[in-house]
Amino acid sequence: MKLSEQLERYRAAGLKAAEFTMSHQQPDGGYIWEGFVKDAYHKQPYSWSVSGLYAPVHRLLNWVKKNTLQPEGGLKDYNGDVYKQSWFFQGCHRSGRFDISYPIMEFLLSCQRPCGGFPHFPKHEVCRSLATAWTGVSALYFGRLDVAEKVAEWCIRLLDQPAAEKFFFQTTNDGKLLTDATDPKGECIDFAKPNQAYWELSLPWMLMGRMHMATGSKEFLDYADKFFEIHRRFYEDQFQWMGSGKSSLAAAIHYLNTGDTRARDGVVEFLDYLVEAQHPEGGWRADIEQDIPLIHIDHAAEFNVWIQEDVNILAAME
């Protein structure tokens, strides 16, 4: 199959996913209905906008501004979830909805710890890669290079690991790495096991690529290479399971920055996996996950983002 045909096949899968999630939007523009969780709309603005579906985005954002945006910039029912609100910020900001993205960013900035990291929730005493690196990317979109640089420094310190076959991704608020030997909260990616939280490394990898773009510094590109080399040592499903989406965009950005075809091959491997694993209605669910609407909808919203972003980069490079 020609590359152009492959890319169209991927795009079609992404659009099918976007239409599936859009079909659940309520008549008032919202994304809450009886029996469904109240914090499941944070990825939709990014997902729909990257597919060119801006009218539903603005309808949803109008509803959010009227019903769920709080005075301090948080979203009602999200309990301050930094990771989810960073998702929502990026969708708003990319859509030009500064009336919502600015207050949300003010909330996010208030959560950064002195070590540069971010907790998953404001009251947590632990900083986590997922929330930290993704908010670092958000800070770049907002033009806060100073914030992103502190995040990058936190991520770079993660490269100093105590074990060769494990990647720990949490620190204390003062920046001390949490490991299984020092703290029961010390979670990690185990290189010898499948279905791991690969995103905890791929988001710092992605941030390094974005930082290189923003600053032109080769140092960030060197760090991106280091994260990539660690990622290549993960289990063989590193680009072939539901937790590999963030890895695919990190790899696409790496390919864009360096031309490294190994990164490109990882992107294609993930996209091929997604097309084969997509459910008829447009969503996804791993075998180990609950078979509930939230899983299908959340994956559909997120995976469409990776598909469209990945495909656009591959098309530009080829």
Protein backbone atom coordinates (compact mmCIF):
# COMPACT_ATOMS: atom_id res chain seq x y z
CA MET A 1 0.00 0.00 0.00
CA LYS A 2 1.30 3.45 -0.92
CA LEU A 3 2.04 5.86 1.90
CA SER A 4 -0.66 8.25 0.69
CA GLU A 5 -3.20 5.43 0.91
CA GLN A 6 -1.98 4.51 4.39
CA LEU A 7 -2.33 8.08 5.58
CA GLU A 8 -5.86 8.34 4.25
CA ARG A 9 -6.73 5.09 5.98
CA TYR A 10 -5.42 6.51 9.26
CA ARG A 11 -7.23 9.83 8.78
CA ALA A 12 -10.50 8.03 8.13
CA ALA A 13 -10.14 6.06 11.37
CA GLY A 14 -9.53 9.29 13.26
CA LEU A 15 -12.50 11.07 11.73
CA LYS A 16 -14.72 8.09 12.53
CA ALA A 17 -13.58 8.38 16.15
CA ALA A 18 -14.26 12.13 16.22
CA GLU A 19 -17.75 11.66 14.80
CA PHE A 20 -18.42 8.94 17.38
CA THR A 21 -17.53 11.26 20.27
CA MET A 22 -19.38 14.18 18.67
CA SER A 23 -22.55 12.10 18.49
CA HIS A 24 -22.69 12.22 22.30
CA GLN A 25 -22.76 16.01 22.50
CA GLN A 26 -25.99 17.18 24.11
CA PRO A 27 -28.52 19.59 22.55
CA ASP A 28 -27.31 22.41 24.84
CA GLY A 29 -23.72 21.89 23.66
CA GLY A 30 -22.63 20.12 26.84
CA TYR A 31 -21.16 16.69 27.42
CA ILE A 32 -22.88 15.55 30.59
CA TRP A 33 -25.97 13.37 30.71
CA GLU A 34 -27.69 11.11 33.19
CA GLY A 35 -25.58 8.08 34.06
CA PHE A 36 -22.39 9.44 32.52
CA VAL A 37 -19.39 10.85 34.38
CA LYS A 38 -19.19 14.63 34.67
CA ASP A 39 -15.51 15.07 33.81
CA ALA A 40 -15.22 13.42 30.39
CA TYR A 41 -15.13 16.35 27.97
CA HIS A 42 -11.56 17.61 28.43
CA LYS A 43 -10.15 16.00 25.25
CA GLN A 44 -13.02 16.83 22.91
CA PRO A 45 -12.04 20.44 22.04
CA TYR A 46 -8.56 19.35 20.92
CA SER A 47 -9.86 16.26 19.14
CA TRP A 48 -12.64 17.99 17.25
CA SER A 49 -10.59 21.06 16.32
CA VAL A 50 -7.71 19.02 14.92
CA SER A 51 -10.33 17.44 12.64
CA GLY A 52 -11.69 20.82 11.56
CA LEU A 53 -14.94 20.38 13.53
CA TYR A 54 -14.90 23.84 15.09
CA ALA A 55 -18.64 24.49 15.42
CA PRO A 56 -19.12 21.66 17.95
CA VAL A 57 -16.00 22.88 19.77
CA HIS A 58 -17.42 26.36 20.25
CA ARG A 59 -20.80 25.00 21.28
CA LEU A 60 -19.10 22.88 23.94
CA LEU A 61 -16.92 25.76 25.11
CA ASN A 62 -19.89 28.10 25.33
CA TRP A 63 -21.57 25.52 27.55
CA VAL A 64 -18.43 25.14 29.69
CA LYS A 65 -18.09 28.91 30.15
CA LYS A 66 -21.70 29.14 31.26
CA ASN A 67 -21.91 26.01 33.42
CA THR A 68 -18.60 24.56 34.63
CA LEU A 69 -15.78 27.13 34.46
CA GLN A 70 -15.02 28.27 38.00
CA PRO A 71 -13.76 31.74 39.07
CA GLU A 72 -10.25 30.47 39.86
CA GLY A 73 -9.97 28.80 36.43
CA GLY A 74 -10.78 25.25 37.45
CA LEU A 75 -13.53 23.13 35.95
CA LYS A 76 -16.45 21.96 38.07
CA ASP A 77 -16.35 18.22 38.89
CA TYR A 78 -12.70 17.88 37.80
CA ASN A 79 -11.40 18.33 41.37
CA GLY A 80 -8.41 20.29 40.08
CA ASP A 81 -7.11 17.44 37.89
CA VAL A 82 -4.01 19.12 36.41
CA TYR A 83 -3.53 16.61 33.62
CA LYS A 84 -7.13 16.79 32.39
CA GLN A 85 -7.26 20.57 32.63
CA SER A 86 -4.06 20.79 30.65
CA TRP A 87 -5.77 18.76 27.92
CA PHE A 88 -8.71 21.15 28.03
CA PHE A 89 -6.44 24.19 27.94
CA GLN A 90 -4.71 23.02 24.77
CA GLY A 91 -8.01 22.42 22.99
CA CYS A 92 -9.33 25.85 24.02
CA HIS A 93 -6.14 27.72 23.19
CA ARG A 94 -5.67 26.07 19.81
CA SER A 95 -9.26 27.07 19.01
CA GLY A 96 -8.66 30.70 19.94
CA ARG A 97 -10.97 30.60 22.95
CA PHE A 98 -8.79 32.79 25.14
CA ASP A 99 -11.80 33.65 27.29
CA ILE A 100 -11.47 30.12 28.66
CA SER A 101 -7.83 29.18 28.08
CA TYR A 102 -6.44 32.18 29.98
CA PRO A 103 -8.24 31.50 33.28
CA ILE A 104 -7.48 27.78 33.01
CA MET A 105 -3.79 28.53 32.53
CA GLU A 106 -3.85 30.78 35.60
CA PHE A 107 -5.16 27.81 37.58
CA LEU A 108 -2.49 25.50 36.13
CA LEU A 109 0.33 27.93 36.91
CA SER A 110 -0.78 28.08 40.52
CA CYS A 111 -0.13 24.33 40.83
CA GLN A 112 3.57 24.27 39.89
CA ARG A 113 5.86 23.17 42.71
CA PRO A 114 9.26 24.75 43.51
CA CYS A 115 11.03 21.74 41.96
CA GLY A 116 9.34 22.53 38.62
CA GLY A 117 6.98 19.58 38.70
CA PHE A 118 3.21 19.43 38.87
CA PRO A 119 1.04 17.13 41.01
CA HIS A 120 -1.81 15.26 39.38
CA PHE A 121 -4.14 16.99 41.85
CA PRO A 122 -3.32 20.22 43.74
CA LYS A 123 -3.53 18.60 47.18
CA HIS A 124 -1.15 15.77 46.30
CA GLU A 125 2.32 15.77 47.82
CA VAL A 126 3.76 13.99 44.77
CA CYS A 127 4.70 15.36 41.35
CA ARG A 128 4.04 13.06 38.41
CA SER A 129 5.42 12.99 34.89
CA LEU A 130 1.97 12.73 33.26
CA ALA A 131 0.71 16.02 34.71
CA THR A 132 4.10 17.75 34.69
CA ALA A 133 5.25 17.20 31.11
CA TRP A 134 1.80 17.71 29.57
CA THR A 135 1.44 21.01 31.42
CA GLY A 136 4.92 21.93 30.23
CA VAL A 137 3.67 21.54 26.66
CA SER A 138 0.67 23.70 27.57
CA ALA A 139 3.00 26.38 28.93
CA LEU A 140 4.78 26.47 25.57
CA TYR A 141 1.47 27.03 23.78
CA PHE A 142 0.84 29.90 26.20
CA GLY A 143 4.25 31.46 25.62
CA ARG A 144 5.46 30.81 29.17
CA LEU A 145 8.91 29.52 28.29
CA ASP A 146 10.06 30.17 31.86
CA VAL A 147 7.49 27.71 33.20
CA ALA A 148 8.27 25.15 30.49
CA GLU A 149 12.00 25.39 31.23
CA LYS A 150 11.40 24.55 34.89
CA VAL A 151 9.27 21.61 33.80
CA ALA A 152 11.99 20.48 31.39
CA GLU A 153 14.56 20.58 34.19
CA TRP A 154 12.30 18.38 36.31
CA CYS A 155 11.88 15.92 33.43
CA ILE A 156 15.61 15.80 32.71
CA ARG A 157 16.29 14.80 36.31
CA LEU A 158 14.18 11.69 35.69
CA LEU A 159 16.98 10.39 33.49
CA ASP A 160 18.97 9.72 36.67
CA GLN A 161 17.40 6.36 37.51
CA PRO A 162 18.54 3.89 40.21
CA ALA A 163 17.67 0.75 38.19
CA ALA A 164 18.58 -0.23 34.63
CA GLU A 165 15.27 -1.90 33.78
CA LYS A 166 12.81 0.40 35.51
CA PHE A 167 11.77 4.00 34.91
CA PHE A 168 10.37 5.77 37.97
CA PHE A 169 8.30 8.85 37.19
CA GLN A 170 7.24 10.54 40.44
CA THR A 171 9.04 12.89 42.81
CA THR A 172 8.34 14.63 46.07
CA ASN A 173 7.39 18.29 45.89
CA ASP A 174 11.04 19.18 46.46
CA GLY A 175 12.15 16.99 43.55
CA LYS A 176 13.32 13.77 45.21
CA LEU A 177 12.70 10.72 43.00
CA LEU A 178 10.26 8.19 44.47
CA THR A 179 11.33 4.58 43.96
CA ASP A 180 9.94 1.29 45.19
CA ALA A 181 12.90 1.08 47.56
CA THR A 182 12.26 4.42 49.24
CA ASP A 183 8.49 4.89 49.11
CA PRO A 184 5.41 2.70 48.53
CA LYS A 185 4.20 5.39 46.10
CA GLY A 186 7.21 4.84 43.86
CA GLU A 187 5.54 3.74 40.62
CA CYS A 188 7.53 2.79 37.53
CA ILE A 189 7.55 1.46 33.99
CA ASP A 190 8.90 -2.10 34.11
CA PHE A 191 10.87 -2.81 30.94
CA ALA A 192 10.19 -6.55 31.18
CA LYS A 193 6.39 -6.28 31.23
CA PRO A 194 3.72 -5.36 28.66
CA ASN A 195 0.87 -2.87 29.07
CA GLN A 196 3.00 -0.34 30.91
CA ALA A 197 2.46 3.38 31.44
CA TYR A 198 4.69 4.34 28.53
CA TRP A 199 3.22 7.84 28.51
CA GLU A 200 5.13 8.66 31.68
CA LEU A 201 8.33 8.70 29.61
CA SER A 202 6.94 9.68 26.23
CA LEU A 203 5.54 13.00 27.47
CA PRO A 204 8.97 14.17 28.72
CA TRP A 205 10.36 12.95 25.38
CA MET A 206 7.69 14.96 23.57
CA LEU A 207 8.44 18.03 25.69
CA MET A 208 12.14 17.87 24.82
CA GLY A 209 11.23 17.96 21.13
CA ARG A 210 8.90 20.90 21.68
CA MET A 211 11.54 22.72 23.74
CA HIS A 212 14.03 22.28 20.92
CA MET A 213 11.51 23.81 18.54
CA ALA A 214 10.88 26.74 20.89
CA THR A 215 14.51 27.51 21.72
CA GLY A 216 16.60 26.02 18.92
CA SER A 217 18.82 24.51 21.58
CA LYS A 218 20.56 21.28 20.54
CA GLU A 219 20.74 20.35 24.21
CA PHE A 220 17.03 19.61 24.27
CA LEU A 221 17.40 17.50 21.15
CA ASP A 222 20.15 15.51 22.88
CA TYR A 223 17.84 14.91 25.83
CA ALA A 224 15.08 13.85 23.43
CA ASP A 225 17.50 11.26 22.05
CA LYS A 226 18.16 9.97 25.56
CA PHE A 227 14.45 9.54 26.29
CA PHE A 228 14.00 7.84 22.91
CA GLU A 229 16.79 5.36 23.62
CA ILE A 230 15.19 4.44 26.94
CA HIS A 231 11.82 4.05 25.23
CA ARG A 232 13.36 1.64 22.71
CA ARG A 233 14.27 -0.68 25.58
CA PHE A 234 10.67 -1.05 26.74
CA TYR A 235 8.65 -4.20 26.13
CA GLU A 236 7.86 -5.07 22.50
CA ASP A 237 4.35 -3.58 22.74
CA GLN A 238 5.82 -0.10 23.26
CA PHE A 239 4.03 1.12 20.10
CA GLN A 240 1.28 -1.49 20.06
CA TRP A 241 -1.15 -0.96 22.87
CA MET A 242 -3.65 1.60 24.13
CA GLY A 243 -1.01 3.32 26.25
CA SER A 244 1.25 4.06 23.26
CA GLY A 245 -0.55 7.08 21.81
CA LYS A 246 1.57 9.74 23.48
CA SER A 247 4.64 7.78 22.42
CA SER A 248 3.50 8.03 18.81
CA LEU A 249 3.33 11.83 18.83
CA ALA A 250 6.63 12.06 20.71
CA ALA A 251 8.11 9.86 17.98
CA ALA A 252 6.51 11.93 15.21
CA ILE A 253 7.98 15.13 16.66
CA HIS A 254 11.34 13.39 16.99
CA TYR A 255 11.16 12.35 13.34
CA LEU A 256 10.24 15.92 12.38
CA ASN A 257 13.20 17.30 14.31
CA THR A 258 15.82 14.71 13.41
CA GLY A 259 14.69 12.64 10.41
CA ASP A 260 15.35 9.49 12.48
CA THR A 261 13.42 6.79 10.59
CA ARG A 262 13.30 4.57 13.67
CA ALA A 263 10.96 7.13 15.23
CA ARG A 264 8.89 7.23 12.03
CA ASP A 265 8.58 3.46 12.07
CA GLY A 266 7.25 3.63 15.63
CA VAL A 267 4.57 6.09 14.54
CA VAL A 268 3.45 3.85 11.67
CA GLU A 269 3.47 0.81 13.94
CA PHE A 270 1.10 2.53 16.36
CA LEU A 271 -1.21 3.85 13.64
CA ASP A 272 -1.45 0.39 12.05
CA TYR A 273 -2.29 -1.04 15.46
CA LEU A 274 -5.02 1.54 16.02
CA VAL A 275 -6.72 0.94 12.69
CA GLU A 276 -6.88 -2.79 13.36
CA ALA A 277 -8.06 -2.37 16.97
CA GLN A 278 -10.80 0.21 16.32
CA HIS A 279 -14.32 -0.89 17.20
CA PRO A 280 -17.09 -0.57 14.59
CA GLU A 281 -18.70 2.42 16.30
CA GLY A 282 -15.39 4.32 16.25
CA GLY A 283 -14.00 3.86 19.76
CA TRP A 284 -11.34 1.67 21.34
CA ARG A 285 -10.96 -0.50 24.43
CA ALA A 286 -8.09 -2.72 25.53
CA ASP A 287 -8.94 -6.22 26.70
CA ILE A 288 -7.77 -5.38 30.21
CA GLU A 289 -10.08 -2.34 30.46
CA GLN A 290 -13.71 -2.11 31.59
CA ASP A 291 -16.28 -2.32 28.81
CA ILE A 292 -18.04 0.93 29.66
CA PRO A 293 -18.93 3.98 27.50
CA LEU A 294 -16.31 6.17 29.23
CA ILE A 295 -13.43 4.00 27.96
CA HIS A 296 -14.64 3.95 24.36
CA ILE A 297 -15.38 7.69 24.29
CA ASP A 298 -12.21 8.80 26.06
CA HIS A 299 -9.98 6.68 23.82
CA ALA A 300 -11.79 7.86 20.71
CA ALA A 301 -11.22 11.51 21.64
CA GLU A 302 -7.56 11.03 22.49
CA PHE A 303 -6.58 8.67 19.69
CA ASN A 304 -8.03 10.94 17.04
CA VAL A 305 -5.61 13.61 18.28
CA TRP A 306 -2.61 11.34 17.87
CA ILE A 307 -3.84 10.08 14.49
CA GLN A 308 -4.35 13.53 12.99
CA GLU A 309 -1.15 15.00 14.46
CA ASP A 310 0.92 11.97 13.43
CA VAL A 311 -0.51 11.81 9.92
CA ASN A 312 0.11 15.50 9.28
CA ILE A 313 3.74 15.19 10.31
CA LEU A 314 4.28 12.03 8.26
CA ALA A 315 2.69 13.66 5.22
CA ALA A 316 4.87 16.74 5.59
CA MET A 317 8.07 14.69 5.97
CA GLU A 318 7.36 12.37 3.04
